[in-house]
Each structure stands twice: as C-alpha cells, then as structure tokens.
N, C-alpha and C. Protein backbone atom coordinates (compact mmCIF):
# COMPACT_ATOMS: atom_id res chain seq x y z
N MET A 1 2.48 24.71 -16.06
CA MET A 1 2.29 23.28 -16.30
C MET A 1 1.62 22.64 -15.08
N THR A 2 0.67 21.78 -15.33
CA THR A 2 -0.08 21.12 -14.27
C THR A 2 0.71 19.91 -13.78
N SER A 3 0.82 19.80 -12.45
CA SER A 3 1.53 18.66 -11.88
C SER A 3 0.65 17.42 -11.93
N LEU A 4 1.28 16.27 -11.79
CA LEU A 4 0.57 15.00 -11.78
C LEU A 4 -0.49 15.00 -10.68
N GLU A 5 -0.13 15.48 -9.49
CA GLU A 5 -1.10 15.47 -8.40
C GLU A 5 -2.26 16.44 -8.64
N GLN A 6 -2.00 17.53 -9.36
CA GLN A 6 -3.09 18.44 -9.75
C GLN A 6 -4.01 17.77 -10.77
N GLU A 7 -3.43 17.07 -11.72
CA GLU A 7 -4.23 16.36 -12.73
C GLU A 7 -5.12 15.31 -12.07
N VAL A 8 -4.57 14.55 -11.12
CA VAL A 8 -5.34 13.55 -10.39
C VAL A 8 -6.48 14.24 -9.63
N GLY A 9 -6.16 15.33 -8.97
CA GLY A 9 -7.17 16.07 -8.22
C GLY A 9 -8.29 16.59 -9.11
N ASN A 10 -7.93 17.12 -10.27
CA ASN A 10 -8.94 17.61 -11.21
C ASN A 10 -9.86 16.48 -11.67
N LEU A 11 -9.27 15.31 -11.94
CA LEU A 11 -10.07 14.16 -12.38
C LEU A 11 -11.01 13.68 -11.26
N LEU A 12 -10.49 13.60 -10.04
CA LEU A 12 -11.32 13.18 -8.91
C LEU A 12 -12.48 14.15 -8.71
N ARG A 13 -12.18 15.42 -8.78
CA ARG A 13 -13.20 16.46 -8.60
C ARG A 13 -14.26 16.37 -9.71
N ARG A 14 -13.81 16.25 -10.94
CA ARG A 14 -14.71 16.19 -12.08
C ARG A 14 -15.63 14.96 -12.02
N LYS A 15 -15.08 13.85 -11.51
CA LYS A 15 -15.86 12.61 -11.45
C LYS A 15 -16.61 12.46 -10.13
N GLY A 16 -16.41 13.41 -9.22
CA GLY A 16 -17.12 13.38 -7.94
C GLY A 16 -16.73 12.22 -7.05
N LEU A 17 -15.45 11.82 -7.10
CA LEU A 17 -14.97 10.68 -6.32
C LEU A 17 -14.06 11.12 -5.18
N THR A 18 -14.10 10.35 -4.09
CA THR A 18 -13.21 10.62 -2.97
C THR A 18 -12.06 9.62 -2.97
N LEU A 19 -10.95 10.03 -2.38
CA LEU A 19 -9.72 9.24 -2.38
C LEU A 19 -9.18 9.10 -0.97
N GLY A 20 -8.66 7.91 -0.68
CA GLY A 20 -7.91 7.65 0.53
C GLY A 20 -6.66 6.87 0.15
N VAL A 21 -5.69 6.84 1.06
CA VAL A 21 -4.43 6.17 0.78
C VAL A 21 -4.00 5.37 2.01
N VAL A 22 -3.52 4.16 1.78
CA VAL A 22 -2.88 3.36 2.83
C VAL A 22 -1.44 3.16 2.38
N GLU A 23 -0.52 3.71 3.15
CA GLU A 23 0.89 3.65 2.76
C GLU A 23 1.70 2.81 3.73
N SER A 24 2.62 2.08 3.18
CA SER A 24 3.60 1.37 3.99
C SER A 24 4.98 1.89 3.62
N ALA A 25 5.56 1.37 2.57
CA ALA A 25 6.95 1.71 2.23
C ALA A 25 7.16 3.18 1.85
N THR A 26 6.12 3.85 1.35
CA THR A 26 6.28 5.27 1.00
C THR A 26 6.12 6.17 2.21
N GLY A 27 5.65 5.64 3.33
CA GLY A 27 5.65 6.36 4.59
C GLY A 27 4.90 7.69 4.63
N GLY A 28 3.91 7.87 3.81
CA GLY A 28 3.16 9.13 3.80
C GLY A 28 3.46 10.03 2.62
N LEU A 29 4.36 9.63 1.77
CA LEU A 29 4.77 10.48 0.65
C LEU A 29 3.64 10.71 -0.36
N ILE A 30 2.85 9.67 -0.64
CA ILE A 30 1.73 9.84 -1.58
C ILE A 30 0.76 10.88 -1.02
N SER A 31 0.43 10.74 0.26
CA SER A 31 -0.47 11.70 0.91
C SER A 31 0.10 13.11 0.87
N HIS A 32 1.39 13.22 1.11
CA HIS A 32 2.06 14.51 1.06
C HIS A 32 1.89 15.16 -0.31
N LEU A 33 2.11 14.40 -1.36
CA LEU A 33 1.98 14.94 -2.72
C LEU A 33 0.54 15.37 -3.00
N ILE A 34 -0.41 14.54 -2.62
CA ILE A 34 -1.82 14.85 -2.87
C ILE A 34 -2.23 16.13 -2.14
N THR A 35 -1.80 16.26 -0.88
CA THR A 35 -2.22 17.42 -0.09
C THR A 35 -1.41 18.68 -0.41
N ASN A 36 -0.43 18.60 -1.28
CA ASN A 36 0.25 19.80 -1.75
C ASN A 36 -0.64 20.63 -2.68
N VAL A 37 -1.72 20.02 -3.17
CA VAL A 37 -2.62 20.69 -4.11
C VAL A 37 -3.66 21.49 -3.32
N PRO A 38 -3.73 22.80 -3.55
CA PRO A 38 -4.77 23.59 -2.88
C PRO A 38 -6.16 23.05 -3.25
N GLY A 39 -7.03 22.94 -2.26
CA GLY A 39 -8.38 22.44 -2.51
C GLY A 39 -8.48 20.93 -2.50
N SER A 40 -7.41 20.22 -2.13
CA SER A 40 -7.44 18.76 -2.14
C SER A 40 -8.45 18.21 -1.14
N SER A 41 -8.87 19.02 -0.18
CA SER A 41 -9.89 18.56 0.77
C SER A 41 -11.23 18.31 0.10
N ASP A 42 -11.41 18.78 -1.14
CA ASP A 42 -12.64 18.50 -1.89
C ASP A 42 -12.81 17.01 -2.19
N TYR A 43 -11.69 16.29 -2.31
CA TYR A 43 -11.75 14.89 -2.72
C TYR A 43 -10.92 13.96 -1.86
N TYR A 44 -9.93 14.48 -1.14
CA TYR A 44 -9.03 13.64 -0.37
C TYR A 44 -9.53 13.53 1.07
N GLN A 45 -9.78 12.30 1.51
CA GLN A 45 -10.33 12.09 2.85
C GLN A 45 -9.26 11.84 3.92
N GLY A 46 -8.14 11.22 3.54
CA GLY A 46 -7.10 10.95 4.52
C GLY A 46 -6.33 9.70 4.20
N SER A 47 -5.46 9.33 5.15
CA SER A 47 -4.60 8.18 4.92
C SER A 47 -4.30 7.47 6.23
N ILE A 48 -3.81 6.26 6.08
CA ILE A 48 -3.29 5.48 7.19
C ILE A 48 -1.90 5.02 6.77
N THR A 49 -0.91 5.31 7.59
CA THR A 49 0.42 4.80 7.32
C THR A 49 0.55 3.51 8.11
N ALA A 50 0.44 2.40 7.41
CA ALA A 50 0.45 1.08 8.03
C ALA A 50 1.83 0.45 7.78
N TYR A 51 2.80 0.87 8.55
CA TYR A 51 4.18 0.44 8.33
C TYR A 51 4.41 -0.97 8.86
N SER A 52 3.89 -1.26 10.03
CA SER A 52 4.12 -2.59 10.62
C SER A 52 3.03 -3.56 10.17
N ASN A 53 3.34 -4.84 10.24
CA ASN A 53 2.35 -5.86 9.92
C ASN A 53 1.17 -5.79 10.87
N GLU A 54 1.45 -5.47 12.15
CA GLU A 54 0.38 -5.39 13.14
C GLU A 54 -0.64 -4.33 12.76
N VAL A 55 -0.18 -3.18 12.29
CA VAL A 55 -1.11 -2.11 11.89
C VAL A 55 -1.85 -2.53 10.61
N LYS A 56 -1.15 -3.18 9.70
CA LYS A 56 -1.82 -3.67 8.49
C LYS A 56 -2.99 -4.59 8.87
N ILE A 57 -2.77 -5.43 9.86
CA ILE A 57 -3.78 -6.40 10.28
C ILE A 57 -4.88 -5.72 11.11
N LYS A 58 -4.49 -4.99 12.15
CA LYS A 58 -5.47 -4.44 13.10
C LYS A 58 -6.22 -3.23 12.58
N ALA A 59 -5.55 -2.33 11.90
CA ALA A 59 -6.20 -1.09 11.46
C ALA A 59 -6.80 -1.18 10.07
N ILE A 60 -6.21 -2.00 9.22
CA ILE A 60 -6.62 -2.05 7.81
C ILE A 60 -7.44 -3.29 7.50
N GLY A 61 -7.20 -4.36 8.24
CA GLY A 61 -7.94 -5.60 7.98
C GLY A 61 -7.25 -6.57 7.05
N VAL A 62 -5.94 -6.39 6.85
CA VAL A 62 -5.19 -7.39 6.08
C VAL A 62 -5.21 -8.68 6.90
N LYS A 63 -5.44 -9.79 6.25
CA LYS A 63 -5.48 -11.07 6.95
C LYS A 63 -4.07 -11.49 7.35
N GLU A 64 -3.94 -11.90 8.60
CA GLU A 64 -2.64 -12.36 9.10
C GLU A 64 -2.12 -13.51 8.24
N ASN A 65 -3.01 -14.38 7.82
CA ASN A 65 -2.63 -15.53 7.00
C ASN A 65 -2.06 -15.09 5.64
N THR A 66 -2.59 -13.99 5.09
CA THR A 66 -2.09 -13.49 3.81
C THR A 66 -0.63 -13.06 3.96
N ILE A 67 -0.33 -12.37 5.05
CA ILE A 67 1.05 -11.94 5.28
C ILE A 67 1.96 -13.14 5.50
N LYS A 68 1.50 -14.11 6.29
CA LYS A 68 2.30 -15.31 6.55
C LYS A 68 2.57 -16.09 5.26
N LYS A 69 1.55 -16.21 4.41
CA LYS A 69 1.67 -17.02 3.20
C LYS A 69 2.47 -16.34 2.10
N TYR A 70 2.24 -15.04 1.88
CA TYR A 70 2.84 -14.34 0.73
C TYR A 70 3.90 -13.30 1.12
N GLY A 71 3.94 -12.90 2.38
CA GLY A 71 4.84 -11.85 2.83
C GLY A 71 4.17 -10.49 2.71
N ALA A 72 4.64 -9.54 3.52
CA ALA A 72 4.05 -8.20 3.53
C ALA A 72 4.23 -7.51 2.18
N VAL A 73 5.31 -7.83 1.48
CA VAL A 73 5.55 -7.23 0.16
C VAL A 73 5.06 -8.23 -0.88
N SER A 74 3.79 -8.09 -1.24
CA SER A 74 3.16 -8.99 -2.20
C SER A 74 1.94 -8.29 -2.80
N HIS A 75 1.53 -8.77 -3.96
CA HIS A 75 0.35 -8.17 -4.57
C HIS A 75 -0.89 -8.47 -3.75
N GLN A 76 -0.92 -9.60 -3.07
CA GLN A 76 -2.07 -9.96 -2.25
C GLN A 76 -2.25 -8.96 -1.10
N VAL A 77 -1.14 -8.61 -0.44
CA VAL A 77 -1.21 -7.66 0.67
C VAL A 77 -1.56 -6.26 0.15
N ALA A 78 -0.97 -5.86 -0.97
CA ALA A 78 -1.30 -4.54 -1.54
C ALA A 78 -2.79 -4.43 -1.83
N GLU A 79 -3.37 -5.50 -2.36
CA GLU A 79 -4.80 -5.48 -2.67
C GLU A 79 -5.65 -5.46 -1.41
N GLU A 80 -5.27 -6.25 -0.41
CA GLU A 80 -6.02 -6.23 0.85
C GLU A 80 -5.89 -4.89 1.56
N MET A 81 -4.72 -4.26 1.45
CA MET A 81 -4.54 -2.92 2.03
C MET A 81 -5.47 -1.91 1.35
N ALA A 82 -5.54 -1.97 0.02
CA ALA A 82 -6.40 -1.04 -0.71
C ALA A 82 -7.87 -1.28 -0.39
N GLN A 83 -8.28 -2.54 -0.34
CA GLN A 83 -9.67 -2.88 -0.01
C GLN A 83 -10.01 -2.45 1.41
N GLY A 84 -9.16 -2.80 2.34
CA GLY A 84 -9.40 -2.45 3.74
C GLY A 84 -9.39 -0.95 3.96
N GLY A 85 -8.51 -0.27 3.26
CA GLY A 85 -8.44 1.19 3.37
C GLY A 85 -9.67 1.86 2.80
N ARG A 86 -10.21 1.31 1.74
CA ARG A 86 -11.43 1.89 1.14
C ARG A 86 -12.56 1.84 2.15
N LYS A 87 -12.64 0.74 2.90
CA LYS A 87 -13.67 0.62 3.94
C LYS A 87 -13.36 1.50 5.14
N ALA A 88 -12.12 1.41 5.64
CA ALA A 88 -11.75 2.15 6.86
C ALA A 88 -11.86 3.66 6.68
N LEU A 89 -11.51 4.14 5.49
CA LEU A 89 -11.53 5.58 5.23
C LEU A 89 -12.83 6.04 4.57
N ALA A 90 -13.71 5.10 4.25
CA ALA A 90 -15.02 5.40 3.63
C ALA A 90 -14.86 6.27 2.39
N VAL A 91 -14.05 5.75 1.44
CA VAL A 91 -13.75 6.49 0.21
C VAL A 91 -14.16 5.67 -1.01
N ASP A 92 -14.27 6.37 -2.15
CA ASP A 92 -14.60 5.71 -3.40
C ASP A 92 -13.42 4.92 -3.96
N ILE A 93 -12.24 5.49 -3.83
CA ILE A 93 -11.02 4.85 -4.35
C ILE A 93 -9.95 4.91 -3.27
N CYS A 94 -9.23 3.81 -3.12
CA CYS A 94 -8.10 3.79 -2.19
C CYS A 94 -6.87 3.25 -2.90
N LEU A 95 -5.77 3.97 -2.75
CA LEU A 95 -4.46 3.53 -3.21
C LEU A 95 -3.72 2.95 -2.03
N ALA A 96 -2.87 1.96 -2.26
CA ALA A 96 -2.05 1.40 -1.20
C ALA A 96 -0.69 1.02 -1.77
N ASP A 97 0.31 0.98 -0.90
CA ASP A 97 1.62 0.51 -1.35
C ASP A 97 2.29 -0.31 -0.27
N THR A 98 3.09 -1.24 -0.73
CA THR A 98 3.96 -2.02 0.15
C THR A 98 5.21 -2.33 -0.66
N GLY A 99 6.36 -2.27 -0.02
CA GLY A 99 7.58 -2.49 -0.78
C GLY A 99 8.82 -2.52 0.08
N ILE A 100 9.95 -2.63 -0.60
CA ILE A 100 11.26 -2.65 0.04
C ILE A 100 12.04 -1.46 -0.50
N ALA A 101 12.02 -0.38 0.27
CA ALA A 101 12.68 0.86 -0.17
C ALA A 101 14.21 0.72 -0.15
N GLY A 102 14.72 -0.07 0.77
CA GLY A 102 16.17 -0.29 0.86
C GLY A 102 16.81 0.59 1.93
N PRO A 103 18.09 0.47 2.14
CA PRO A 103 19.03 -0.42 1.45
C PRO A 103 18.97 -1.86 1.97
N SER A 104 18.29 -2.09 3.11
CA SER A 104 18.21 -3.45 3.64
C SER A 104 16.79 -3.98 3.46
N GLY A 105 16.56 -5.21 3.91
CA GLY A 105 15.24 -5.81 3.86
C GLY A 105 15.00 -6.73 2.69
N ALA A 106 15.95 -6.82 1.80
CA ALA A 106 15.77 -7.64 0.60
C ALA A 106 15.98 -9.12 0.89
N THR A 107 15.38 -9.95 0.04
CA THR A 107 15.63 -11.39 0.04
C THR A 107 15.95 -11.75 -1.41
N PRO A 108 16.43 -12.95 -1.68
CA PRO A 108 16.70 -13.32 -3.08
C PRO A 108 15.45 -13.20 -3.97
N GLU A 109 14.28 -13.49 -3.42
CA GLU A 109 13.04 -13.42 -4.21
C GLU A 109 12.47 -12.01 -4.28
N LYS A 110 12.82 -11.18 -3.28
CA LYS A 110 12.24 -9.83 -3.18
C LYS A 110 13.37 -8.82 -3.01
N PRO A 111 13.85 -8.27 -4.13
CA PRO A 111 15.00 -7.36 -4.08
C PRO A 111 14.62 -5.96 -3.59
N VAL A 112 15.63 -5.21 -3.19
CA VAL A 112 15.44 -3.80 -2.88
C VAL A 112 14.82 -3.13 -4.11
N GLY A 113 13.86 -2.27 -3.85
CA GLY A 113 13.20 -1.55 -4.94
C GLY A 113 11.92 -2.21 -5.44
N LEU A 114 11.59 -3.40 -4.88
CA LEU A 114 10.35 -4.07 -5.27
C LEU A 114 9.18 -3.44 -4.53
N PHE A 115 8.19 -3.00 -5.27
CA PHE A 115 6.98 -2.40 -4.70
C PHE A 115 5.75 -3.00 -5.35
N TYR A 116 4.70 -3.12 -4.57
CA TYR A 116 3.39 -3.46 -5.09
C TYR A 116 2.45 -2.31 -4.74
N ILE A 117 1.69 -1.86 -5.71
CA ILE A 117 0.72 -0.80 -5.50
C ILE A 117 -0.65 -1.42 -5.68
N GLY A 118 -1.54 -1.13 -4.76
CA GLY A 118 -2.91 -1.61 -4.84
C GLY A 118 -3.85 -0.47 -5.11
N LEU A 119 -4.95 -0.77 -5.78
CA LEU A 119 -5.99 0.21 -6.05
C LEU A 119 -7.33 -0.50 -5.89
N SER A 120 -8.20 0.07 -5.07
CA SER A 120 -9.53 -0.51 -4.87
C SER A 120 -10.59 0.54 -5.17
N HIS A 121 -11.60 0.12 -5.91
CA HIS A 121 -12.73 0.95 -6.33
C HIS A 121 -13.92 0.00 -6.40
N GLN A 122 -15.12 0.52 -6.42
CA GLN A 122 -16.29 -0.37 -6.48
C GLN A 122 -16.24 -1.32 -7.67
N ALA A 123 -15.55 -0.94 -8.73
CA ALA A 123 -15.46 -1.79 -9.92
C ALA A 123 -14.50 -2.97 -9.73
N GLY A 124 -13.64 -2.91 -8.71
CA GLY A 124 -12.70 -4.00 -8.49
C GLY A 124 -11.47 -3.56 -7.73
N THR A 125 -10.64 -4.52 -7.40
CA THR A 125 -9.38 -4.27 -6.69
C THR A 125 -8.26 -4.87 -7.51
N TYR A 126 -7.21 -4.08 -7.69
CA TYR A 126 -6.14 -4.44 -8.62
C TYR A 126 -4.79 -4.16 -7.96
N SER A 127 -3.73 -4.67 -8.58
CA SER A 127 -2.39 -4.36 -8.11
C SER A 127 -1.43 -4.30 -9.29
N GLN A 128 -0.35 -3.59 -9.05
CA GLN A 128 0.75 -3.50 -10.03
C GLN A 128 2.05 -3.80 -9.30
N ARG A 129 2.95 -4.44 -10.00
CA ARG A 129 4.29 -4.73 -9.48
C ARG A 129 5.28 -3.77 -10.15
N HIS A 130 6.16 -3.20 -9.35
CA HIS A 130 7.20 -2.31 -9.87
C HIS A 130 8.52 -2.70 -9.24
N HIS A 131 9.59 -2.48 -9.99
CA HIS A 131 10.93 -2.66 -9.44
C HIS A 131 11.75 -1.42 -9.78
N PHE A 132 12.08 -0.65 -8.77
CA PHE A 132 12.85 0.58 -8.94
C PHE A 132 14.31 0.33 -8.56
N HIS A 133 15.20 1.18 -9.05
CA HIS A 133 16.63 0.91 -8.90
C HIS A 133 17.40 2.08 -8.28
N GLY A 134 16.74 2.91 -7.51
CA GLY A 134 17.41 4.04 -6.89
C GLY A 134 17.82 3.74 -5.46
N ASP A 135 18.20 4.81 -4.74
CA ASP A 135 18.45 4.65 -3.31
C ASP A 135 17.09 4.70 -2.60
N ARG A 136 17.10 4.62 -1.29
CA ARG A 136 15.85 4.55 -0.51
C ARG A 136 14.90 5.69 -0.87
N GLU A 137 15.40 6.90 -0.83
CA GLU A 137 14.54 8.07 -1.09
C GLU A 137 14.01 8.07 -2.52
N GLN A 138 14.85 7.72 -3.46
CA GLN A 138 14.43 7.69 -4.87
C GLN A 138 13.39 6.59 -5.11
N ASN A 139 13.57 5.44 -4.47
CA ASN A 139 12.61 4.35 -4.62
C ASN A 139 11.24 4.76 -4.08
N LYS A 140 11.24 5.46 -2.93
CA LYS A 140 9.97 5.94 -2.37
C LYS A 140 9.33 6.95 -3.31
N GLN A 141 10.12 7.85 -3.84
CA GLN A 141 9.61 8.86 -4.78
C GLN A 141 9.05 8.20 -6.04
N ASP A 142 9.78 7.26 -6.57
CA ASP A 142 9.34 6.55 -7.79
C ASP A 142 8.04 5.79 -7.54
N ALA A 143 7.92 5.16 -6.37
CA ALA A 143 6.71 4.41 -6.04
C ALA A 143 5.51 5.35 -5.90
N ALA A 144 5.71 6.48 -5.24
CA ALA A 144 4.62 7.45 -5.07
C ALA A 144 4.17 7.97 -6.44
N GLU A 145 5.13 8.26 -7.30
CA GLU A 145 4.80 8.75 -8.64
C GLU A 145 4.09 7.67 -9.46
N ALA A 146 4.55 6.44 -9.36
CA ALA A 146 3.91 5.34 -10.09
C ALA A 146 2.46 5.16 -9.63
N ALA A 147 2.22 5.30 -8.33
CA ALA A 147 0.85 5.18 -7.81
C ALA A 147 -0.04 6.27 -8.38
N LEU A 148 0.46 7.49 -8.43
CA LEU A 148 -0.34 8.61 -8.95
C LEU A 148 -0.55 8.50 -10.46
N VAL A 149 0.46 8.03 -11.18
CA VAL A 149 0.31 7.83 -12.63
C VAL A 149 -0.78 6.79 -12.89
N TRP A 150 -0.74 5.68 -12.14
CA TRP A 150 -1.74 4.64 -12.31
C TRP A 150 -3.13 5.15 -11.97
N LEU A 151 -3.24 5.91 -10.86
CA LEU A 151 -4.53 6.46 -10.47
C LEU A 151 -5.07 7.38 -11.57
N LYS A 152 -4.20 8.21 -12.13
CA LYS A 152 -4.62 9.10 -13.21
C LYS A 152 -5.16 8.28 -14.40
N GLN A 153 -4.42 7.26 -14.81
CA GLN A 153 -4.85 6.41 -15.92
C GLN A 153 -6.17 5.72 -15.61
N TYR A 154 -6.31 5.24 -14.38
CA TYR A 154 -7.54 4.56 -13.97
C TYR A 154 -8.72 5.53 -14.04
N LEU A 155 -8.54 6.74 -13.51
CA LEU A 155 -9.62 7.72 -13.52
C LEU A 155 -10.02 8.10 -14.95
N ILE A 156 -9.05 8.24 -15.82
CA ILE A 156 -9.34 8.57 -17.23
C ILE A 156 -10.16 7.45 -17.87
N SER A 157 -9.89 6.21 -17.47
CA SER A 157 -10.58 5.05 -18.08
C SER A 157 -12.03 4.90 -17.61
N LEU A 158 -12.40 5.54 -16.51
CA LEU A 158 -13.77 5.43 -16.00
C LEU A 158 -14.73 6.17 -16.92
N ASN A 159 -15.91 5.62 -17.08
CA ASN A 159 -16.87 6.16 -18.03
C ASN A 159 -17.82 7.19 -17.45
N ASN A 160 -17.45 7.90 -16.42
CA ASN A 160 -18.37 8.92 -15.91
C ASN A 160 -17.71 10.28 -15.90
C-alpha cells in the first residue's frame, strides 16, 4: 500500500513541481514524513522551522503587524508563512503550519489543537483551519497528516 507521503511525492514528480515547507507547531514533522520517501530529493527542496515569531518575521518575511493584529496562530500568518517560504526556499509549492499543539498556550478564542495550514503556489495562497482533540504529539501528527492530505488534493486538482 502506498503511503500518503509517497502519493504526494509521486504527484509532485509527475507534475514536475518542487516543494518546500515552513513549520511552526509541527516542529519539522511534515518534513520528516516527506523525507521518509526514497527519492524525495527529486522534488523536496527543504524546510524552515520557524517556531518563534522572530524567525517567522526575519527568516520568512511574515509582517510583524500581521502577528500583532491577528496572533501567530491565524490564517493570515499561515498564508504569509507559505508565501514567504515559497520565495525563501525557491519552490513551486510551499506548505506552512502554525498552531497550538498543547497542553498549554490556549486562549478562550484559540483552544489547544487549533491549527492553520497555509499553501502557496503560483495560482494563489490559501489556508485551512483545523481543530484537533488529541494530546500534543497526536495534534502534531494530525496537523502534519492534514497538510499532506490537502497538498495531495491540491496537486490532483491541478490541470497539468
């Protein structure tokens, strides 16, 4: 049986697209899954783990004002992370995530398990909101899987 990350890799290879990832709350897990696939260097260029707001701003290009206005865990930041990562990593598609893995860090408006995933491609930049209900490790795993599922669906929808 083909794994999700193998399916994503096959689609990227078939479409001749490169991938990069900017991770915050998943801490490198998406990159880990992608690089578990032999031959992933054909399409995977690399990642930036932008855990702190300072790294999001300085290395990725997220606007400080965006973080101040919406918070680091927001669809706006996820989209800016994906856009900035696409430029910084010089890739066709960039996935990004920001979230609250738990058990701490929640606010009444932003509960533990809230994640935003960003995706940037020349056709546009998008985000998805997810709310997972596991422990810290499970939330990170669920977010990484959700990002790869979305990427797979996005790649299937492309007309090339």
